[in-house]
Amino acid sequence: MLNVSVVAAFWRKRAVLAGLVVWAAALCWTLDPALSKPDGKDALFAALKASKTEMEARQIEAQIWEGWIGAAPAPDLEASVRGAMTKRRFGDYEGALADLEAVVKIAPGYAEAWNQRAFLLYLKGDMDGALQAIDRVLDIEPRHFGAMSGKFRVLIAQGRARLAQKVLKQAVDIHPFLQERVYLEQAPDTKGIEL
């Protein structure tokens, strides 16, 4: 059984690291122009799934995250999401949440705004609100391994370990080097058992 406080501490540290990964991606890696084509996202996900090393996977992951953030329908909305992420890193959860609420009202199809909102709700302890926002992300972007790992965290916090494992397995199927893979339990065969 996973210790909820250990998982929560991991995710608080991960919030800082996630911000650094996105920042590093913006500085160090640029998206290949071919990846801006409609099938470019598919190419990134295929490359991620086929990655042979953790370093290779992290570079591709950074590009995917940058693509998700950069998918805002307007530059000011992207700036608002980036600003909310900065506020979150400095502990201004209320300010960050207000910014994200404004963005999702204007652009309800912007998955990363919903994802960042879900993360803030999780950090504030609103597990039901976080889960609703995560489900919205996954409706928009079904391969959002970040939202899936968030859903894993929320389900663990709610004591729903079996369903959490199922969600984490789906995320690891998309991103084999996902950091949370260490929490993937080797469960006995559960065919025919409703999770």
C-alpha atoms as a PDB file:
ATOM      1  CA  MET A   1       0.000   0.000   0.000  1.00  0.00           C
ATOM      2  CA  LEU A   2       1.337   3.439  -0.879  1.00  0.00           C
ATOM      3  CA  ASN A   3       1.884   5.987   1.867  1.00  0.00           C
ATOM      4  CA  VAL A   4      -0.233   9.035   0.960  1.00  0.00           C
ATOM      5  CA  SER A   5       2.028  11.532   2.769  1.00  0.00           C
ATOM      6  CA  VAL A   6       5.087  10.239   0.888  1.00  0.00           C
ATOM      7  CA  VAL A   7       3.263  10.602  -2.428  1.00  0.00           C
ATOM      8  CA  ALA A   8       2.071  14.131  -1.501  1.00  0.00           C
ATOM      9  CA  ALA A   9       5.620  15.189  -0.535  1.00  0.00           C
ATOM     10  CA  PHE A  10       6.900  13.769  -3.818  1.00  0.00           C
ATOM     11  CA  TRP A  11       4.386  15.875  -5.745  1.00  0.00           C
ATOM     12  CA  ARG A  12       5.190  19.095  -3.916  1.00  0.00           C
ATOM     13  CA  LYS A  13       8.825  18.637  -4.932  1.00  0.00           C
ATOM     14  CA  ARG A  14       7.706  17.629  -8.416  1.00  0.00           C
ATOM     15  CA  ALA A  15       5.840  20.954  -8.808  1.00  0.00           C
ATOM     16  CA  VAL A  16       9.130  22.812  -8.626  1.00  0.00           C
ATOM     17  CA  LEU A  17      10.889  20.319 -10.905  1.00  0.00           C
ATOM     18  CA  ALA A  18       8.082  20.424 -13.486  1.00  0.00           C
ATOM     19  CA  GLY A  19       8.441  24.175 -13.726  1.00  0.00           C
ATOM     20  CA  LEU A  20      12.173  23.803 -14.246  1.00  0.00           C
ATOM     21  CA  VAL A  21      11.659  21.174 -16.965  1.00  0.00           C
ATOM     22  CA  VAL A  22       9.319  23.485 -18.888  1.00  0.00           C
ATOM     23  CA  TRP A  23      11.695  26.410 -18.431  1.00  0.00           C
ATOM     24  CA  ALA A  24      14.635  24.284 -19.612  1.00  0.00           C
ATOM     25  CA  ALA A  25      12.634  23.127 -22.593  1.00  0.00           C
ATOM     26  CA  ALA A  26      11.966  26.701 -23.612  1.00  0.00           C
ATOM     27  CA  LEU A  27      15.658  27.566 -23.313  1.00  0.00           C
ATOM     28  CA  CYS A  28      17.353  24.437 -24.576  1.00  0.00           C
ATOM     29  CA  TRP A  29      15.052  22.714 -27.027  1.00  0.00           C
ATOM     30  CA  THR A  30      13.087  24.095 -29.885  1.00  0.00           C
ATOM     31  CA  LEU A  31      10.283  22.246 -31.543  1.00  0.00           C
ATOM     32  CA  ASP A  32      11.156  20.810 -34.888  1.00  0.00           C
ATOM     33  CA  PRO A  33       9.129  22.798 -37.483  1.00  0.00           C
ATOM     34  CA  ALA A  34       7.840  19.488 -38.846  1.00  0.00           C
ATOM     35  CA  LEU A  35       6.232  18.867 -35.465  1.00  0.00           C
ATOM     36  CA  SER A  36       3.924  21.851 -35.892  1.00  0.00           C
ATOM     37  CA  LYS A  37       2.117  19.941 -38.637  1.00  0.00           C
ATOM     38  CA  PRO A  38      -1.093  18.148 -37.627  1.00  0.00           C
ATOM     39  CA  ASP A  39       0.728  14.812 -37.335  1.00  0.00           C
ATOM     40  CA  GLY A  40       3.663  16.401 -35.451  1.00  0.00           C
ATOM     41  CA  LYS A  41       2.141  15.681 -32.068  1.00  0.00           C
ATOM     42  CA  ASP A  42       1.649  12.065 -33.103  1.00  0.00           C
ATOM     43  CA  ALA A  43       5.322  11.911 -34.100  1.00  0.00           C
ATOM     44  CA  LEU A  44       6.366  13.191 -30.673  1.00  0.00           C
ATOM     45  CA  PHE A  45       4.223  10.643 -28.856  1.00  0.00           C
ATOM     46  CA  ALA A  46       5.552   7.844 -31.078  1.00  0.00           C
ATOM     47  CA  ALA A  47       9.118   8.979 -30.375  1.00  0.00           C
ATOM     48  CA  LEU A  48       8.384   9.124 -26.652  1.00  0.00           C
ATOM     49  CA  LYS A  49       6.989   5.597 -26.617  1.00  0.00           C
ATOM     50  CA  ALA A  50      10.018   4.360 -28.598  1.00  0.00           C
ATOM     51  CA  SER A  51      12.632   6.235 -26.550  1.00  0.00           C
ATOM     52  CA  LYS A  52      15.506   4.037 -25.412  1.00  0.00           C
ATOM     53  CA  THR A  53      16.931   6.154 -22.583  1.00  0.00           C
ATOM     54  CA  GLU A  54      15.573   8.340 -19.840  1.00  0.00           C
ATOM     55  CA  MET A  55      17.470  11.349 -21.221  1.00  0.00           C
ATOM     56  CA  GLU A  56      15.939  10.881 -24.666  1.00  0.00           C
ATOM     57  CA  ALA A  57      12.478  10.548 -23.113  1.00  0.00           C
ATOM     58  CA  ARG A  58      12.971  13.712 -21.004  1.00  0.00           C
ATOM     59  CA  GLN A  59      13.869  15.744 -24.094  1.00  0.00           C
ATOM     60  CA  ILE A  60      10.771  14.544 -25.925  1.00  0.00           C
ATOM     61  CA  GLU A  61       8.640  15.018 -22.805  1.00  0.00           C
ATOM     62  CA  ALA A  62       9.836  18.635 -22.553  1.00  0.00           C
ATOM     63  CA  GLN A  63       8.797  19.243 -26.159  1.00  0.00           C
ATOM     64  CA  ILE A  64       5.370  17.739 -25.517  1.00  0.00           C
ATOM     65  CA  TRP A  65       4.888  19.894 -22.406  1.00  0.00           C
ATOM     66  CA  GLU A  66       5.950  22.985 -24.324  1.00  0.00           C
ATOM     67  CA  GLY A  67       3.481  22.063 -27.061  1.00  0.00           C
ATOM     68  CA  TRP A  68       0.669  21.668 -24.532  1.00  0.00           C
ATOM     69  CA  ILE A  69       1.395  25.036 -22.953  1.00  0.00           C
ATOM     70  CA  GLY A  70       1.887  26.661 -26.339  1.00  0.00           C
ATOM     71  CA  ALA A  71      -1.450  25.327 -27.632  1.00  0.00           C
ATOM     72  CA  ALA A  72      -3.289  28.324 -26.207  1.00  0.00           C
ATOM     73  CA  PRO A  73      -5.669  29.917 -28.709  1.00  0.00           C
ATOM     74  CA  ALA A  74      -4.095  33.334 -28.015  1.00  0.00           C
ATOM     75  CA  PRO A  75      -0.681  34.510 -26.764  1.00  0.00           C
ATOM     76  CA  ASP A  76      -2.178  36.351 -23.783  1.00  0.00           C
ATOM     77  CA  LEU A  77      -3.850  33.135 -22.604  1.00  0.00           C
ATOM     78  CA  GLU A  78      -0.555  31.258 -22.801  1.00  0.00           C
ATOM     79  CA  ALA A  79       1.069  34.106 -20.862  1.00  0.00           C
ATOM     80  CA  SER A  80      -1.653  33.834 -18.213  1.00  0.00           C
ATOM     81  CA  VAL A  81      -1.024  30.100 -17.805  1.00  0.00           C
ATOM     82  CA  ARG A  82       2.730  30.629 -17.575  1.00  0.00           C
ATOM     83  CA  GLY A  83       2.121  33.419 -15.069  1.00  0.00           C
ATOM     84  CA  ALA A  84      -0.126  31.140 -13.015  1.00  0.00           C
ATOM     85  CA  MET A  85       2.610  28.495 -13.000  1.00  0.00           C
ATOM     86  CA  THR A  86       5.065  31.082 -11.674  1.00  0.00           C
ATOM     87  CA  LYS A  87       2.602  32.192  -8.998  1.00  0.00           C
ATOM     88  CA  ARG A  88       2.142  28.559  -7.986  1.00  0.00           C
ATOM     89  CA  ARG A  89       5.897  28.056  -7.660  1.00  0.00           C
ATOM     90  CA  PHE A  90       6.007  31.040  -5.305  1.00  0.00           C
ATOM     91  CA  GLY A  91       3.082  29.759  -3.245  1.00  0.00           C
ATOM     92  CA  ASP A  92       0.403  32.153  -4.535  1.00  0.00           C
ATOM     93  CA  TYR A  93      -2.183  29.431  -5.095  1.00  0.00           C
ATOM     94  CA  GLU A  94      -5.158  31.791  -4.935  1.00  0.00           C
ATOM     95  CA  GLY A  95      -3.702  34.185  -7.522  1.00  0.00           C
ATOM     96  CA  ALA A  96      -2.714  31.309  -9.795  1.00  0.00           C
ATOM     97  CA  LEU A  97      -6.142  29.720  -9.507  1.00  0.00           C
ATOM     98  CA  ALA A  98      -7.872  33.018 -10.319  1.00  0.00           C
ATOM     99  CA  ASP A  99      -5.740  33.391 -13.456  1.00  0.00           C
ATOM    100  CA  LEU A 100      -6.525  29.839 -14.575  1.00  0.00           C
ATOM    101  CA  GLU A 101     -10.251  30.240 -13.881  1.00  0.00           C
ATOM    102  CA  ALA A 102     -10.238  33.252 -16.209  1.00  0.00           C
ATOM    103  CA  VAL A 103      -8.391  31.302 -18.920  1.00  0.00           C
ATOM    104  CA  VAL A 104     -10.695  28.263 -18.881  1.00  0.00           C
ATOM    105  CA  LYS A 105     -13.725  30.555 -19.085  1.00  0.00           C
ATOM    106  CA  ILE A 106     -12.347  32.161 -22.238  1.00  0.00           C
ATOM    107  CA  ALA A 107     -10.784  29.019 -23.720  1.00  0.00           C
ATOM    108  CA  PRO A 108     -12.589  25.911 -22.405  1.00  0.00           C
ATOM    109  CA  GLY A 109     -10.763  23.740 -24.952  1.00  0.00           C
ATOM    110  CA  TYR A 110      -7.262  24.678 -23.728  1.00  0.00           C
ATOM    111  CA  ALA A 111      -6.194  21.434 -22.033  1.00  0.00           C
ATOM    112  CA  GLU A 112      -3.124  22.754 -20.262  1.00  0.00           C
ATOM    113  CA  ALA A 113      -5.070  25.498 -18.496  1.00  0.00           C
ATOM    114  CA  TRP A 114      -7.345  22.778 -17.110  1.00  0.00           C
ATOM    115  CA  ASN A 115      -4.327  20.650 -16.180  1.00  0.00           C
ATOM    116  CA  GLN A 116      -2.642  23.464 -14.277  1.00  0.00           C
ATOM    117  CA  ARG A 117      -5.967  24.214 -12.565  1.00  0.00           C
ATOM    118  CA  ALA A 118      -6.247  20.541 -11.551  1.00  0.00           C
ATOM    119  CA  PHE A 119      -2.749  20.596 -10.087  1.00  0.00           C
ATOM    120  CA  LEU A 120      -3.544  23.680  -8.017  1.00  0.00           C
ATOM    121  CA  LEU A 121      -6.764  22.152  -6.734  1.00  0.00           C
ATOM    122  CA  TYR A 122      -4.805  19.050  -5.764  1.00  0.00           C
ATOM    123  CA  LEU A 123      -2.248  21.155  -3.895  1.00  0.00           C
ATOM    124  CA  LYS A 124      -5.091  22.940  -2.096  1.00  0.00           C
ATOM    125  CA  GLY A 125      -6.587  19.589  -1.061  1.00  0.00           C
ATOM    126  CA  ASP A 126      -9.694  19.766  -3.293  1.00  0.00           C
ATOM    127  CA  MET A 127      -9.468  16.211  -4.636  1.00  0.00           C
ATOM    128  CA  ASP A 128     -12.953  16.152  -6.175  1.00  0.00           C
ATOM    129  CA  GLY A 129     -12.353  19.453  -7.982  1.00  0.00           C
ATOM    130  CA  ALA A 130      -8.958  18.253  -9.164  1.00  0.00           C
ATOM    131  CA  LEU A 131     -10.451  15.025 -10.483  1.00  0.00           C
ATOM    132  CA  GLN A 132     -13.145  16.926 -12.415  1.00  0.00           C
ATOM    133  CA  ALA A 133     -10.515  19.193 -13.992  1.00  0.00           C
ATOM    134  CA  ILE A 134      -8.310  16.197 -14.853  1.00  0.00           C
ATOM    135  CA  ASP A 135     -11.217  14.469 -16.556  1.00  0.00           C
ATOM    136  CA  ARG A 136     -11.741  17.651 -18.603  1.00  0.00           C
ATOM    137  CA  VAL A 137      -8.052  17.572 -19.634  1.00  0.00           C
ATOM    138  CA  LEU A 138      -8.332  13.950 -20.708  1.00  0.00           C
ATOM    139  CA  ASP A 139     -11.485  14.677 -22.700  1.00  0.00           C
ATOM    140  CA  ILE A 140      -9.493  17.274 -24.658  1.00  0.00           C
ATOM    141  CA  GLU A 141      -6.123  15.480 -24.767  1.00  0.00           C
ATOM    142  CA  PRO A 142      -6.483  11.742 -24.032  1.00  0.00           C
ATOM    143  CA  ARG A 143      -2.704  11.200 -24.111  1.00  0.00           C
ATOM    144  CA  HIS A 144      -1.946  13.801 -21.425  1.00  0.00           C
ATOM    145  CA  PHE A 145       0.345  11.660 -19.277  1.00  0.00           C
ATOM    146  CA  GLY A 146       0.746  14.581 -16.855  1.00  0.00           C
ATOM    147  CA  ALA A 147      -2.993  14.639 -16.194  1.00  0.00           C
ATOM    148  CA  MET A 148      -2.975  10.848 -15.863  1.00  0.00           C
ATOM    149  CA  SER A 149      -0.209  11.000 -13.276  1.00  0.00           C
ATOM    150  CA  GLY A 150      -2.247  13.684 -11.518  1.00  0.00           C
ATOM    151  CA  LYS A 151      -5.276  11.432 -11.574  1.00  0.00           C
ATOM    152  CA  PHE A 152      -3.123   8.694 -10.059  1.00  0.00           C
ATOM    153  CA  ARG A 153      -2.175  11.059  -7.209  1.00  0.00           C
ATOM    154  CA  VAL A 154      -5.761  12.094  -6.577  1.00  0.00           C
ATOM    155  CA  LEU A 155      -7.028   8.521  -6.582  1.00  0.00           C
ATOM    156  CA  ILE A 156      -4.295   7.490  -4.137  1.00  0.00           C
ATOM    157  CA  ALA A 157      -5.264  10.391  -1.865  1.00  0.00           C
ATOM    158  CA  GLN A 158      -8.866   9.187  -2.041  1.00  0.00           C
ATOM    159  CA  GLY A 159      -7.817   5.651  -1.085  1.00  0.00           C
ATOM    160  CA  ARG A 160      -8.691   4.225  -4.513  1.00  0.00           C
ATOM    161  CA  ALA A 161      -5.398   2.385  -5.050  1.00  0.00           C
ATOM    162  CA  ARG A 162      -6.595  -0.208  -7.593  1.00  0.00           C
ATOM    163  CA  LEU A 163      -8.075   2.386  -9.921  1.00  0.00           C
ATOM    164  CA  ALA A 164      -4.986   4.561  -9.391  1.00  0.00           C
ATOM    165  CA  GLN A 165      -2.802   1.686 -10.571  1.00  0.00           C
ATOM    166  CA  LYS A 166      -4.954   1.234 -13.678  1.00  0.00           C
ATOM    167  CA  VAL A 167      -4.591   4.937 -14.557  1.00  0.00           C
ATOM    168  CA  LEU A 168      -0.845   4.882 -13.902  1.00  0.00           C
ATOM    169  CA  LYS A 169      -0.444   1.874 -16.195  1.00  0.00           C
ATOM    170  CA  GLN A 170      -2.210   3.802 -18.974  1.00  0.00           C
ATOM    171  CA  ALA A 171       0.148   6.738 -18.425  1.00  0.00           C
ATOM    172  CA  VAL A 172       3.234   4.516 -18.499  1.00  0.00           C
ATOM    173  CA  ASP A 173       1.972   2.909 -21.715  1.00  0.00           C
ATOM    174  CA  ILE A 174       2.164   6.388 -23.261  1.00  0.00           C
ATOM    175  CA  HIS A 175       5.365   7.509 -21.499  1.00  0.00           C
ATOM    176  CA  PRO A 176       7.527   4.509 -20.515  1.00  0.00           C
ATOM    177  CA  PHE A 177       9.989   6.698 -18.585  1.00  0.00           C
ATOM    178  CA  LEU A 178       7.344   8.576 -16.600  1.00  0.00           C
ATOM    179  CA  GLN A 179       8.835   9.337 -13.185  1.00  0.00           C
ATOM    180  CA  GLU A 180       5.798   7.894 -11.407  1.00  0.00           C
ATOM    181  CA  ARG A 181       6.450   4.471 -12.928  1.00  0.00           C
ATOM    182  CA  VAL A 182       8.219   3.589  -9.674  1.00  0.00           C
ATOM    183  CA  TYR A 183       4.754   3.455  -8.064  1.00  0.00           C
ATOM    184  CA  LEU A 184       3.461   0.932 -10.574  1.00  0.00           C
ATOM    185  CA  GLU A 185       2.826  -2.255  -8.661  1.00  0.00           C
ATOM    186  CA  GLN A 186       3.169  -5.649 -10.211  1.00  0.00           C
ATOM    187  CA  ALA A 187      -0.377  -6.764  -9.578  1.00  0.00           C
ATOM    188  CA  PRO A 188      -1.664 -10.324  -9.990  1.00  0.00           C
ATOM    189  CA  ASP A 189      -3.770 -11.055 -13.027  1.00  0.00           C
ATOM    190  CA  THR A 190      -7.082  -9.234 -12.610  1.00  0.00           C
ATOM    191  CA  LYS A 191      -8.828 -10.268 -15.803  1.00  0.00           C
ATOM    192  CA  GLY A 192     -12.544 -10.292 -15.325  1.00  0.00           C
ATOM    193  CA  ILE A 193     -12.369  -8.230 -12.141  1.00  0.00           C
ATOM    194  CA  GLU A 194     -13.972  -4.793 -12.302  1.00  0.00           C
ATOM    195  CA  LEU A 195     -11.570  -2.124 -11.130  1.00  0.00           C
END
